[in-house]
């Protein structure tokens, strides 16, 4: 009896239902993005791996949908997504995925003062990652979607402009306003932010009290290292 034919060359094992090969191909794509760095294109990945372009496009679309990869703003290639951060953290190569109690206490205090979503994000090159999400008021967009519009939202303006905070009356989703408050290191570099987002009226309350919130938010700096 003849052995079943293997998958056609270059298809990464997707055609024909060869799931182990498909997993191997997806892992190779992730490795290529990690090695090439942010902004690598699907064409460059295909060239690097010697893989059929159609297969690479199919794989990156799946990996983006699952948030293992993220499309950079303006469709300028790809970068590792939020779910890859779990592996980086577990391996000890990144920051701890669990905030220290003192940082959680700061966020809890802020959430008692203002009844909108209050989320802690950290900046990683051209991307942001959620470090702590308000469970009572979830963010209006996921991390992948947020990174796609980062350059045109309060968090992107905060990183680019070096201000202590940025207030947007319309931001990331219809009916949402936001206030992004910077967390800076001793050199003034913005490495994290507290993102307050929700109904405009609720965010207005935070804006009115922002001078009182600034020292509380800045107190997170040593707790995130």
N, C-alpha and C. Protein backbone atom coordinates (compact mmCIF):
# COMPACT_ATOMS: atom_id res chain seq x y z
N UNK A 1 0.85 -1.19 0.00
CA UNK A 1 0.00 0.00 0.00
C UNK A 1 0.89 1.23 0.00
N UNK A 2 0.61 2.14 -0.92
CA UNK A 2 1.43 3.34 -1.02
C UNK A 2 1.20 4.26 0.16
N UNK A 3 2.28 4.90 0.62
CA UNK A 3 2.16 5.88 1.71
C UNK A 3 1.46 7.11 1.18
N UNK A 4 0.66 7.78 2.03
CA UNK A 4 -0.03 9.00 1.59
C UNK A 4 0.98 10.06 1.19
N UNK A 5 0.61 10.80 0.16
CA UNK A 5 1.49 11.85 -0.33
C UNK A 5 1.59 12.96 0.68
N UNK A 6 2.78 13.54 0.80
CA UNK A 6 2.97 14.68 1.71
C UNK A 6 2.41 15.94 1.11
N UNK A 7 2.42 17.03 1.87
CA UNK A 7 1.89 18.29 1.38
C UNK A 7 2.76 18.83 0.27
N UNK A 8 2.16 19.57 -0.67
CA UNK A 8 2.95 20.15 -1.74
C UNK A 8 4.06 21.02 -1.19
N UNK A 9 5.20 21.03 -1.88
CA UNK A 9 6.35 21.80 -1.41
C UNK A 9 6.00 23.26 -1.29
N UNK A 10 6.44 23.86 -0.18
CA UNK A 10 6.29 25.29 -0.01
C UNK A 10 4.99 25.72 0.61
N UNK A 11 4.03 24.78 0.86
CA UNK A 11 2.75 25.22 1.41
C UNK A 11 2.74 25.23 2.92
N UNK A 12 3.87 24.88 3.56
CA UNK A 12 3.96 24.91 5.01
C UNK A 12 3.13 23.87 5.69
N UNK A 13 2.54 22.90 4.92
CA UNK A 13 1.76 21.85 5.56
C UNK A 13 0.32 22.23 5.79
N UNK A 14 -0.12 23.42 5.33
CA UNK A 14 -1.51 23.81 5.56
C UNK A 14 -2.42 23.04 4.62
N UNK A 15 -2.06 22.98 3.31
CA UNK A 15 -2.86 22.25 2.35
C UNK A 15 -2.72 20.76 2.66
N UNK A 16 -3.87 20.07 2.67
CA UNK A 16 -3.82 18.64 2.96
C UNK A 16 -4.00 18.33 4.43
N UNK A 17 -4.18 19.37 5.27
CA UNK A 17 -4.50 19.14 6.67
C UNK A 17 -3.37 18.65 7.52
N UNK A 18 -2.13 18.93 7.12
CA UNK A 18 -0.98 18.48 7.91
C UNK A 18 -0.76 19.46 9.06
N UNK A 19 -1.51 19.30 10.15
CA UNK A 19 -1.49 20.26 11.24
C UNK A 19 -0.11 20.44 11.88
N UNK A 20 0.65 19.36 12.15
CA UNK A 20 1.98 19.58 12.75
C UNK A 20 2.86 20.47 11.88
N UNK A 21 2.83 20.25 10.56
CA UNK A 21 3.62 21.09 9.67
C UNK A 21 3.12 22.54 9.69
N UNK A 22 1.80 22.72 9.79
CA UNK A 22 1.24 24.06 9.84
C UNK A 22 1.71 24.80 11.09
N UNK A 23 1.75 24.07 12.21
CA UNK A 23 2.23 24.68 13.46
C UNK A 23 3.70 25.06 13.32
N UNK A 24 4.49 24.15 12.74
CA UNK A 24 5.91 24.45 12.53
C UNK A 24 6.09 25.69 11.67
N UNK A 25 5.29 25.82 10.63
CA UNK A 25 5.39 26.97 9.75
C UNK A 25 5.03 28.26 10.47
N UNK A 26 3.98 28.19 11.29
CA UNK A 26 3.58 29.38 12.05
C UNK A 26 4.68 29.80 13.01
N UNK A 27 5.31 28.83 13.64
CA UNK A 27 6.40 29.15 14.57
C UNK A 27 7.59 29.76 13.83
N UNK A 28 7.86 29.27 12.63
CA UNK A 28 8.94 29.84 11.84
C UNK A 28 8.64 31.29 11.45
N UNK A 29 7.38 31.58 11.16
CA UNK A 29 6.99 32.96 10.84
C UNK A 29 7.20 33.86 12.06
N UNK A 30 6.78 33.40 13.22
CA UNK A 30 6.99 34.19 14.44
C UNK A 30 8.47 34.42 14.70
N UNK A 31 9.27 33.39 14.50
CA UNK A 31 10.71 33.52 14.69
C UNK A 31 11.29 34.54 13.71
N UNK A 32 10.81 34.52 12.46
CA UNK A 32 11.31 35.47 11.47
C UNK A 32 10.98 36.90 11.86
N UNK A 33 9.78 37.14 12.38
CA UNK A 33 9.41 38.48 12.81
C UNK A 33 10.28 38.92 13.98
N UNK A 34 10.54 38.00 14.91
CA UNK A 34 11.38 38.33 16.06
C UNK A 34 12.80 38.68 15.63
N UNK A 35 13.33 37.96 14.66
CA UNK A 35 14.70 38.20 14.20
C UNK A 35 14.79 39.46 13.36
N UNK A 36 13.85 39.64 12.43
CA UNK A 36 13.90 40.78 11.52
C UNK A 36 13.51 42.08 12.20
N UNK A 37 12.67 41.99 13.23
CA UNK A 37 12.27 43.19 13.95
C UNK A 37 10.98 43.81 13.43
N UNK A 38 10.49 44.81 14.16
CA UNK A 38 9.25 45.47 13.80
C UNK A 38 9.29 46.02 12.38
N UNK A 39 8.18 45.85 11.65
CA UNK A 39 8.08 46.39 10.32
C UNK A 39 8.40 45.41 9.21
N UNK A 40 8.78 44.19 9.54
CA UNK A 40 9.07 43.21 8.51
C UNK A 40 7.78 42.90 7.74
N UNK A 41 7.88 42.76 6.43
CA UNK A 41 6.71 42.51 5.60
C UNK A 41 6.53 41.02 5.34
N UNK A 42 5.32 40.66 4.90
CA UNK A 42 5.05 39.26 4.57
C UNK A 42 5.97 38.79 3.44
N UNK A 43 6.25 39.67 2.47
CA UNK A 43 7.14 39.31 1.38
C UNK A 43 8.55 39.01 1.88
N UNK A 44 9.03 39.82 2.82
CA UNK A 44 10.35 39.59 3.39
C UNK A 44 10.40 38.29 4.19
N UNK A 45 9.30 38.01 4.91
CA UNK A 45 9.24 36.75 5.66
C UNK A 45 9.31 35.57 4.70
N UNK A 46 8.54 35.64 3.61
CA UNK A 46 8.53 34.55 2.63
C UNK A 46 9.92 34.34 2.04
N UNK A 47 10.60 35.45 1.74
CA UNK A 47 11.95 35.34 1.17
C UNK A 47 12.92 34.73 2.17
N UNK A 48 12.80 35.14 3.41
CA UNK A 48 13.72 34.64 4.44
C UNK A 48 13.53 33.15 4.67
N UNK A 49 12.28 32.71 4.65
CA UNK A 49 11.98 31.32 4.99
C UNK A 49 11.94 30.40 3.76
N UNK A 50 11.96 30.99 2.55
CA UNK A 50 11.81 30.17 1.36
C UNK A 50 10.44 29.54 1.28
N UNK A 51 9.44 30.27 1.75
CA UNK A 51 8.08 29.76 1.84
C UNK A 51 7.21 30.45 0.80
N UNK A 52 6.20 29.78 0.32
CA UNK A 52 5.31 30.37 -0.67
C UNK A 52 4.65 31.64 -0.09
N UNK A 53 4.65 32.74 -0.84
CA UNK A 53 4.04 33.98 -0.33
C UNK A 53 2.59 33.81 0.10
N UNK A 54 1.81 33.04 -0.66
CA UNK A 54 0.40 32.84 -0.30
C UNK A 54 0.26 32.18 1.06
N UNK A 55 1.17 31.24 1.35
CA UNK A 55 1.15 30.57 2.65
C UNK A 55 1.49 31.54 3.77
N UNK A 56 2.50 32.38 3.53
CA UNK A 56 2.89 33.37 4.55
C UNK A 56 1.75 34.34 4.81
N UNK A 57 1.11 34.84 3.74
CA UNK A 57 0.00 35.77 3.94
C UNK A 57 -1.11 35.11 4.76
N UNK A 58 -1.38 33.84 4.48
CA UNK A 58 -2.43 33.14 5.21
C UNK A 58 -2.04 32.99 6.68
N UNK A 59 -0.79 32.66 6.93
CA UNK A 59 -0.32 32.48 8.31
C UNK A 59 -0.32 33.79 9.09
N UNK A 60 0.19 34.86 8.47
CA UNK A 60 0.23 36.12 9.22
C UNK A 60 -1.17 36.62 9.52
N UNK A 61 -2.12 36.39 8.63
CA UNK A 61 -3.50 36.80 8.90
C UNK A 61 -4.06 36.05 10.11
N UNK A 62 -3.76 34.76 10.19
CA UNK A 62 -4.22 33.97 11.34
C UNK A 62 -3.54 34.46 12.61
N UNK A 63 -2.23 34.70 12.55
CA UNK A 63 -1.48 35.13 13.73
C UNK A 63 -1.90 36.52 14.20
N UNK A 64 -2.27 37.40 13.26
CA UNK A 64 -2.78 38.72 13.63
C UNK A 64 -4.14 38.58 14.32
N UNK A 65 -5.00 37.74 13.75
CA UNK A 65 -6.33 37.55 14.34
C UNK A 65 -6.24 37.01 15.76
N UNK A 66 -5.22 36.18 16.02
CA UNK A 66 -5.04 35.60 17.36
C UNK A 66 -4.15 36.48 18.25
N UNK A 67 -3.69 37.64 17.74
CA UNK A 67 -2.89 38.62 18.48
C UNK A 67 -1.48 38.13 18.84
N UNK A 68 -0.98 37.14 18.06
CA UNK A 68 0.43 36.78 18.19
C UNK A 68 1.30 37.73 17.36
N UNK A 69 0.71 38.31 16.31
CA UNK A 69 1.33 39.38 15.54
C UNK A 69 0.39 40.56 15.50
N UNK A 70 0.94 41.73 15.19
CA UNK A 70 0.13 42.92 15.03
C UNK A 70 0.58 43.65 13.78
N UNK A 71 -0.38 44.16 13.01
CA UNK A 71 -0.05 45.01 11.87
C UNK A 71 0.30 46.40 12.38
N UNK A 72 1.40 46.94 11.92
CA UNK A 72 1.79 48.27 12.34
C UNK A 72 0.93 49.31 11.65
N UNK A 73 0.79 50.51 12.26
CA UNK A 73 -0.01 51.57 11.66
C UNK A 73 0.42 51.86 10.23
N UNK A 74 -0.58 52.12 9.38
CA UNK A 74 -0.27 52.38 7.98
C UNK A 74 0.10 51.14 7.20
N UNK A 75 -0.19 49.96 7.76
CA UNK A 75 0.11 48.68 7.11
C UNK A 75 1.60 48.55 6.77
N UNK A 76 2.45 49.13 7.61
CA UNK A 76 3.89 49.08 7.38
C UNK A 76 4.51 47.85 8.03
N UNK A 77 4.06 46.69 7.62
CA UNK A 77 4.66 45.46 8.11
C UNK A 77 4.07 44.99 9.42
N UNK A 78 4.77 44.07 10.08
CA UNK A 78 4.26 43.37 11.25
C UNK A 78 5.24 43.46 12.42
N UNK A 79 4.71 43.22 13.61
CA UNK A 79 5.51 43.13 14.82
C UNK A 79 4.89 42.05 15.71
N UNK A 80 5.65 41.60 16.70
CA UNK A 80 5.11 40.63 17.64
C UNK A 80 3.97 41.26 18.42
N UNK A 81 2.92 40.48 18.65
CA UNK A 81 1.73 40.98 19.32
C UNK A 81 1.73 40.68 20.81
N UNK A 82 0.60 41.05 21.43
CA UNK A 82 0.48 40.98 22.89
C UNK A 82 0.64 39.56 23.42
N UNK A 83 0.11 38.57 22.70
CA UNK A 83 0.13 37.22 23.26
C UNK A 83 1.54 36.62 23.25
N UNK A 84 2.43 37.17 22.43
CA UNK A 84 3.82 36.73 22.49
C UNK A 84 4.49 37.21 23.77
N UNK A 85 3.96 38.31 24.35
CA UNK A 85 4.53 38.83 25.58
C UNK A 85 4.44 37.85 26.73
N UNK A 86 3.44 36.97 26.70
CA UNK A 86 3.30 35.96 27.75
C UNK A 86 4.52 35.05 27.76
N UNK A 87 4.99 34.66 26.59
CA UNK A 87 6.16 33.77 26.50
C UNK A 87 7.43 34.50 26.89
N UNK A 88 7.54 35.76 26.45
CA UNK A 88 8.71 36.56 26.81
C UNK A 88 8.80 36.73 28.31
N UNK A 89 7.67 37.06 28.93
CA UNK A 89 7.65 37.26 30.38
C UNK A 89 7.99 35.98 31.12
N UNK A 90 7.39 34.87 30.68
CA UNK A 90 7.62 33.60 31.36
C UNK A 90 9.07 33.17 31.27
N UNK A 91 9.73 33.55 30.19
CA UNK A 91 11.14 33.19 30.01
C UNK A 91 12.07 34.11 30.77
N UNK A 92 11.52 35.17 31.36
CA UNK A 92 12.34 36.08 32.13
C UNK A 92 13.05 37.12 31.32
N UNK A 93 12.72 37.24 30.01
CA UNK A 93 13.38 38.21 29.15
C UNK A 93 12.71 39.56 29.18
N UNK A 94 11.52 39.65 29.75
CA UNK A 94 10.79 40.91 29.79
C UNK A 94 10.38 41.24 31.20
N UNK A 95 9.53 42.25 31.31
CA UNK A 95 9.06 42.65 32.62
C UNK A 95 8.09 41.62 33.17
N UNK A 96 7.91 41.62 34.48
CA UNK A 96 7.01 40.66 35.10
C UNK A 96 5.58 40.92 34.67
N UNK A 97 4.81 39.84 34.31
CA UNK A 97 3.42 40.04 33.92
C UNK A 97 2.54 40.39 35.11
N UNK A 98 3.01 40.21 36.31
CA UNK A 98 2.22 40.50 37.50
C UNK A 98 2.75 41.76 38.17
N UNK A 99 1.88 42.74 38.35
CA UNK A 99 2.29 43.98 39.00
C UNK A 99 2.52 43.76 40.49
N UNK A 100 3.46 44.49 41.04
CA UNK A 100 3.65 44.44 42.48
C UNK A 100 2.43 45.04 43.16
N UNK A 101 2.20 44.67 44.41
CA UNK A 101 1.00 45.12 45.12
C UNK A 101 0.93 46.64 45.20
N UNK A 102 2.06 47.29 45.39
CA UNK A 102 2.04 48.75 45.51
C UNK A 102 1.49 49.41 44.25
N UNK A 103 1.85 48.86 43.08
CA UNK A 103 1.34 49.41 41.82
C UNK A 103 -0.15 49.14 41.69
N UNK A 104 -0.58 47.95 42.08
CA UNK A 104 -2.01 47.64 42.02
C UNK A 104 -2.80 48.52 42.97
N UNK A 105 -2.21 48.86 44.10
CA UNK A 105 -2.88 49.74 45.05
C UNK A 105 -3.06 51.15 44.48
N UNK A 106 -2.05 51.63 43.75
CA UNK A 106 -2.16 52.95 43.12
C UNK A 106 -3.32 52.95 42.13
N UNK A 107 -3.38 51.92 41.30
CA UNK A 107 -4.45 51.84 40.30
C UNK A 107 -5.82 51.70 40.96
N UNK A 108 -5.88 50.92 42.03
CA UNK A 108 -7.15 50.77 42.74
C UNK A 108 -7.61 52.10 43.32
N UNK A 109 -6.67 52.90 43.84
CA UNK A 109 -7.02 54.21 44.37
C UNK A 109 -7.53 55.14 43.29
N UNK A 110 -6.90 55.10 42.12
CA UNK A 110 -7.36 55.92 41.00
C UNK A 110 -8.76 55.51 40.56
N UNK A 111 -9.02 54.22 40.55
CA UNK A 111 -10.33 53.73 40.10
C UNK A 111 -11.44 54.07 41.06
N UNK A 112 -11.12 54.29 42.32
CA UNK A 112 -12.13 54.73 43.29
C UNK A 112 -12.49 56.20 43.10
N UNK A 113 -11.57 56.97 42.53
CA UNK A 113 -11.77 58.40 42.37
C UNK A 113 -12.52 58.76 41.10
N UNK A 114 -12.32 57.98 40.04
CA UNK A 114 -12.89 58.31 38.74
C UNK A 114 -13.57 57.07 38.17
N UNK A 115 -14.82 57.21 37.78
CA UNK A 115 -15.58 56.05 37.32
C UNK A 115 -15.59 55.95 35.80
N UNK A 116 -14.40 55.79 35.25
CA UNK A 116 -14.22 55.43 33.84
C UNK A 116 -13.18 54.31 33.82
N UNK A 117 -12.99 53.73 32.66
CA UNK A 117 -11.96 52.70 32.57
C UNK A 117 -10.58 53.28 32.80
N UNK A 118 -9.80 52.66 33.67
CA UNK A 118 -8.44 53.11 33.96
C UNK A 118 -7.50 51.94 33.74
N UNK A 119 -6.66 52.07 32.72
CA UNK A 119 -5.80 50.98 32.28
C UNK A 119 -4.34 51.42 32.30
N UNK A 120 -3.47 50.53 32.71
CA UNK A 120 -2.03 50.80 32.69
C UNK A 120 -1.44 50.19 31.43
N UNK A 121 -0.72 51.00 30.65
CA UNK A 121 -0.04 50.49 29.46
C UNK A 121 1.44 50.81 29.56
N UNK A 122 2.24 50.01 28.88
CA UNK A 122 3.67 50.28 28.78
C UNK A 122 4.03 50.38 27.31
N UNK A 123 5.02 51.23 27.01
CA UNK A 123 5.46 51.44 25.64
C UNK A 123 6.63 50.51 25.32
N UNK A 124 6.56 49.92 24.12
CA UNK A 124 7.62 49.02 23.65
C UNK A 124 7.91 49.40 22.20
N UNK A 125 8.88 50.27 22.01
CA UNK A 125 9.17 50.74 20.67
C UNK A 125 7.97 51.48 20.10
N UNK A 126 7.46 50.98 18.99
CA UNK A 126 6.33 51.60 18.33
C UNK A 126 4.98 51.07 18.82
N UNK A 127 5.00 50.20 19.80
CA UNK A 127 3.78 49.55 20.26
C UNK A 127 3.51 49.84 21.73
N UNK A 128 2.26 49.61 22.15
CA UNK A 128 1.93 49.63 23.56
C UNK A 128 1.40 48.26 23.95
N UNK A 129 1.57 47.93 25.23
CA UNK A 129 1.00 46.71 25.77
C UNK A 129 0.20 47.05 27.02
N UNK A 130 -0.93 46.39 27.18
CA UNK A 130 -1.69 46.52 28.41
C UNK A 130 -0.96 45.78 29.53
N UNK A 131 -0.70 46.47 30.64
CA UNK A 131 -0.12 45.81 31.81
C UNK A 131 -1.18 45.51 32.86
N UNK A 132 -2.21 46.36 32.92
CA UNK A 132 -3.28 46.11 33.88
C UNK A 132 -4.56 46.71 33.30
N UNK A 133 -5.58 45.89 33.16
CA UNK A 133 -6.84 46.31 32.54
C UNK A 133 -7.92 46.42 33.60
N UNK A 134 -8.68 47.49 33.54
CA UNK A 134 -9.79 47.71 34.47
C UNK A 134 -10.90 46.71 34.14
N UNK A 135 -11.13 45.76 35.04
CA UNK A 135 -12.12 44.72 34.79
C UNK A 135 -13.55 45.24 34.84
N UNK A 136 -13.78 46.34 35.57
CA UNK A 136 -15.13 46.90 35.65
C UNK A 136 -15.49 47.72 34.41
N UNK A 137 -14.48 48.31 33.78
CA UNK A 137 -14.69 49.12 32.58
C UNK A 137 -13.66 48.71 31.53
N UNK A 138 -13.89 47.60 30.81
CA UNK A 138 -12.90 47.12 29.84
C UNK A 138 -12.61 48.16 28.76
N UNK A 139 -11.42 48.13 28.19
CA UNK A 139 -11.09 49.09 27.14
C UNK A 139 -12.00 48.92 25.93
N UNK A 140 -12.29 50.00 25.21
CA UNK A 140 -13.20 49.92 24.06
C UNK A 140 -12.61 49.20 22.86
N UNK A 141 -11.29 49.03 22.83
CA UNK A 141 -10.63 48.29 21.75
C UNK A 141 -9.60 47.36 22.35
N UNK A 142 -9.28 46.31 21.64
CA UNK A 142 -8.23 45.40 22.08
C UNK A 142 -6.85 45.97 21.78
N UNK A 143 -5.83 45.26 22.26
CA UNK A 143 -4.47 45.77 22.10
C UNK A 143 -4.05 45.85 20.64
N UNK A 144 -4.41 44.85 19.85
CA UNK A 144 -4.04 44.88 18.43
C UNK A 144 -4.68 46.07 17.73
N UNK A 145 -5.98 46.29 18.00
CA UNK A 145 -6.67 47.42 17.39
C UNK A 145 -6.10 48.74 17.87
N UNK A 146 -5.77 48.82 19.16
CA UNK A 146 -5.20 50.05 19.71
C UNK A 146 -3.89 50.39 19.01
N UNK A 147 -3.06 49.40 18.79
CA UNK A 147 -1.78 49.65 18.13
C UNK A 147 -1.95 50.08 16.67
N UNK A 148 -3.01 49.65 16.06
CA UNK A 148 -3.25 50.06 14.68
C UNK A 148 -3.58 51.54 14.56
N UNK A 149 -4.18 52.12 15.62
CA UNK A 149 -4.56 53.54 15.57
C UNK A 149 -3.74 54.38 16.55
N UNK A 150 -2.63 53.82 17.01
CA UNK A 150 -1.87 54.45 18.08
C UNK A 150 -1.42 55.87 17.71
N UNK A 151 -0.98 56.07 16.47
CA UNK A 151 -0.46 57.37 16.08
C UNK A 151 -1.51 58.46 16.09
N UNK A 152 -2.79 58.07 16.07
CA UNK A 152 -3.85 59.07 16.02
C UNK A 152 -4.69 59.10 17.29
N UNK A 153 -4.17 58.53 18.39
CA UNK A 153 -4.93 58.55 19.64
C UNK A 153 -4.10 59.20 20.74
N UNK A 154 -4.71 59.40 21.89
CA UNK A 154 -4.06 60.12 22.99
C UNK A 154 -2.77 59.44 23.44
N UNK A 155 -2.75 58.12 23.47
CA UNK A 155 -1.55 57.42 23.92
C UNK A 155 -0.38 57.64 22.97
N UNK A 156 -0.67 57.67 21.67
CA UNK A 156 0.40 57.94 20.71
C UNK A 156 0.90 59.36 20.79
N UNK A 157 -0.02 60.31 20.96
CA UNK A 157 0.37 61.72 21.09
C UNK A 157 1.19 61.94 22.36
N UNK A 158 0.82 61.23 23.42
CA UNK A 158 1.55 61.37 24.69
C UNK A 158 3.00 60.92 24.52
N UNK A 159 3.20 59.79 23.88
CA UNK A 159 4.55 59.27 23.67
C UNK A 159 5.37 60.19 22.79
N UNK A 160 4.74 60.75 21.75
CA UNK A 160 5.47 61.55 20.77
C UNK A 160 5.75 62.97 21.26
N UNK A 161 4.84 63.51 22.09
CA UNK A 161 4.95 64.93 22.41
C UNK A 161 5.65 65.27 23.70
N UNK A 162 5.85 64.30 24.58
CA UNK A 162 6.54 64.56 25.83
C UNK A 162 5.74 65.36 26.84
N UNK A 163 4.42 65.44 26.66
CA UNK A 163 3.58 66.16 27.61
C UNK A 163 3.31 65.31 28.84
N UNK A 164 2.86 65.96 29.92
CA UNK A 164 2.51 65.22 31.13
C UNK A 164 1.20 64.45 30.93
N UNK A 165 0.32 64.99 30.11
CA UNK A 165 -0.94 64.30 29.82
C UNK A 165 -1.53 64.83 28.52
N UNK A 166 -2.40 64.01 27.93
CA UNK A 166 -3.11 64.39 26.70
C UNK A 166 -4.57 64.04 26.87
N UNK A 167 -5.44 65.00 26.57
CA UNK A 167 -6.89 64.79 26.67
C UNK A 167 -7.48 64.82 25.27
N UNK A 168 -8.27 63.81 24.94
CA UNK A 168 -8.95 63.75 23.64
C UNK A 168 -10.46 63.61 23.87
N UNK A 169 -11.23 64.50 23.27
CA UNK A 169 -12.68 64.42 23.42
C UNK A 169 -13.27 63.27 22.62
N UNK A 170 -12.65 62.92 21.51
CA UNK A 170 -13.08 61.76 20.71
C UNK A 170 -11.84 60.90 20.50
N UNK A 171 -11.90 59.64 20.92
CA UNK A 171 -10.68 58.83 20.84
C UNK A 171 -11.01 57.35 20.70
N UNK A 172 -10.42 56.70 19.74
CA UNK A 172 -10.40 55.26 19.45
C UNK A 172 -11.76 54.61 19.17
N UNK A 173 -12.84 55.14 19.70
CA UNK A 173 -14.15 54.52 19.47
C UNK A 173 -15.23 55.60 19.57
N UNK A 174 -16.33 55.43 18.85
CA UNK A 174 -17.42 56.42 18.92
C UNK A 174 -17.93 56.61 20.34
N UNK A 175 -18.12 57.87 20.72
CA UNK A 175 -18.65 58.17 22.05
C UNK A 175 -17.65 58.09 23.17
N UNK A 176 -16.37 57.85 22.86
CA UNK A 176 -15.34 57.72 23.89
C UNK A 176 -14.44 58.96 23.92
N UNK A 177 -14.14 59.40 25.13
CA UNK A 177 -13.09 60.39 25.34
C UNK A 177 -12.00 59.70 26.15
N UNK A 178 -10.81 60.30 26.18
CA UNK A 178 -9.75 59.68 26.96
C UNK A 178 -8.78 60.72 27.50
N UNK A 179 -8.09 60.30 28.54
CA UNK A 179 -7.02 61.08 29.16
C UNK A 179 -5.85 60.14 29.35
N UNK A 180 -4.72 60.46 28.73
CA UNK A 180 -3.51 59.65 28.86
C UNK A 180 -2.51 60.41 29.72
N UNK A 181 -2.10 59.82 30.82
CA UNK A 181 -1.20 60.47 31.78
C UNK A 181 0.12 59.71 31.78
N UNK A 182 1.22 60.43 31.61
CA UNK A 182 2.53 59.81 31.41
C UNK A 182 3.14 59.31 32.71
N UNK A 183 3.85 58.19 32.58
CA UNK A 183 4.76 57.70 33.62
C UNK A 183 6.16 57.82 33.02
N UNK A 184 7.01 58.63 33.62
CA UNK A 184 8.34 58.89 33.06
C UNK A 184 9.44 58.41 34.00
N UNK A 185 10.61 58.13 33.41
CA UNK A 185 11.75 57.78 34.23
C UNK A 185 12.52 59.04 34.62
N UNK A 186 13.68 58.87 35.24
CA UNK A 186 14.42 60.03 35.75
C UNK A 186 14.93 60.94 34.64
N UNK A 187 14.98 60.42 33.40
CA UNK A 187 15.43 61.25 32.27
C UNK A 187 14.28 61.96 31.58
N UNK A 188 13.05 61.69 32.02
CA UNK A 188 11.89 62.28 31.38
C UNK A 188 11.31 61.45 30.26
N UNK A 189 11.88 60.26 30.02
CA UNK A 189 11.38 59.38 28.97
C UNK A 189 10.06 58.75 29.38
N UNK A 190 9.05 58.83 28.51
CA UNK A 190 7.74 58.23 28.78
C UNK A 190 7.82 56.73 28.49
N UNK A 191 7.73 55.91 29.52
CA UNK A 191 7.82 54.46 29.32
C UNK A 191 6.51 53.74 29.64
N UNK A 192 5.56 54.46 30.21
CA UNK A 192 4.27 53.87 30.53
C UNK A 192 3.25 55.00 30.63
N UNK A 193 1.99 54.62 30.74
CA UNK A 193 0.94 55.63 30.88
C UNK A 193 -0.26 55.00 31.55
N UNK A 194 -1.02 55.85 32.23
CA UNK A 194 -2.34 55.46 32.72
C UNK A 194 -3.34 56.05 31.74
N UNK A 195 -4.15 55.19 31.18
CA UNK A 195 -5.11 55.57 30.14
C UNK A 195 -6.52 55.52 30.72
N UNK A 196 -7.13 56.68 30.85
CA UNK A 196 -8.49 56.79 31.35
C UNK A 196 -9.41 57.01 30.15
N UNK A 197 -10.34 56.09 29.93
CA UNK A 197 -11.14 56.14 28.72
C UNK A 197 -12.58 55.74 29.03
N UNK A 198 -13.52 56.50 28.45
CA UNK A 198 -14.93 56.22 28.68
C UNK A 198 -15.80 57.35 28.17
N UNK A 199 -16.97 57.48 28.76
CA UNK A 199 -17.90 58.54 28.36
C UNK A 199 -17.26 59.90 28.60
N UNK A 200 -17.50 60.88 27.70
CA UNK A 200 -16.87 62.20 27.85
C UNK A 200 -17.10 62.84 29.22
N UNK A 201 -18.29 62.70 29.78
CA UNK A 201 -18.55 63.31 31.08
C UNK A 201 -17.67 62.75 32.17
N UNK A 202 -17.46 61.43 32.17
CA UNK A 202 -16.61 60.81 33.17
C UNK A 202 -15.16 61.21 33.01
N UNK A 203 -14.69 61.29 31.77
CA UNK A 203 -13.31 61.70 31.53
C UNK A 203 -13.12 63.16 31.92
N UNK A 204 -14.15 64.00 31.72
CA UNK A 204 -14.06 65.41 32.12
C UNK A 204 -13.78 65.54 33.62
N UNK A 205 -14.36 64.64 34.42
CA UNK A 205 -14.10 64.66 35.86
C UNK A 205 -12.62 64.41 36.12
N UNK A 206 -12.04 63.46 35.38
CA UNK A 206 -10.62 63.17 35.56
C UNK A 206 -9.76 64.35 35.11
N UNK A 207 -10.13 64.99 34.02
CA UNK A 207 -9.36 66.14 33.52
C UNK A 207 -9.37 67.27 34.55
N UNK A 208 -10.54 67.48 35.18
CA UNK A 208 -10.64 68.54 36.18
C UNK A 208 -9.74 68.27 37.38
N UNK A 209 -9.47 67.01 37.65
CA UNK A 209 -8.66 66.63 38.81
C UNK A 209 -7.26 66.18 38.41
N UNK A 210 -6.84 66.45 37.15
CA UNK A 210 -5.61 65.86 36.65
C UNK A 210 -4.37 66.31 37.43
N UNK A 211 -4.36 67.53 37.92
CA UNK A 211 -3.19 67.98 38.67
C UNK A 211 -3.00 67.17 39.95
N UNK A 212 -4.09 66.70 40.53
CA UNK A 212 -3.99 65.83 41.71
C UNK A 212 -3.61 64.41 41.33
N UNK A 213 -3.98 64.00 40.11
CA UNK A 213 -3.68 62.64 39.67
C UNK A 213 -2.23 62.47 39.23
N UNK A 214 -1.62 63.55 38.74
CA UNK A 214 -0.27 63.45 38.19
C UNK A 214 0.75 62.82 39.15
N UNK A 215 0.84 63.28 40.41
CA UNK A 215 1.84 62.67 41.30
C UNK A 215 1.53 61.20 41.62
N UNK A 216 0.25 60.85 41.66
CA UNK A 216 -0.11 59.45 41.92
C UNK A 216 0.34 58.56 40.77
N UNK A 217 0.09 59.02 39.55
CA UNK A 217 0.48 58.24 38.37
C UNK A 217 2.01 58.15 38.28
N UNK A 218 2.70 59.28 38.52
CA UNK A 218 4.15 59.27 38.43
C UNK A 218 4.77 58.36 39.48
N UNK A 219 4.06 58.13 40.58
CA UNK A 219 4.56 57.22 41.60
C UNK A 219 4.67 55.79 41.13
N UNK A 220 4.09 55.50 39.95
CA UNK A 220 4.20 54.14 39.39
C UNK A 220 5.58 53.85 38.80
N UNK A 221 6.32 54.91 38.48
CA UNK A 221 7.61 54.73 37.78
C UNK A 221 8.52 53.70 38.46
N UNK A 222 8.88 53.85 39.73
CA UNK A 222 9.80 52.85 40.31
C UNK A 222 9.17 51.48 40.50
N UNK A 223 7.85 51.41 40.44
CA UNK A 223 7.16 50.14 40.66
C UNK A 223 7.08 49.29 39.39
N UNK A 224 7.45 49.88 38.25
CA UNK A 224 7.36 49.16 36.98
C UNK A 224 8.71 48.68 36.48
N UNK A 225 9.75 48.81 37.28
CA UNK A 225 11.09 48.42 36.84
C UNK A 225 11.47 47.04 37.37
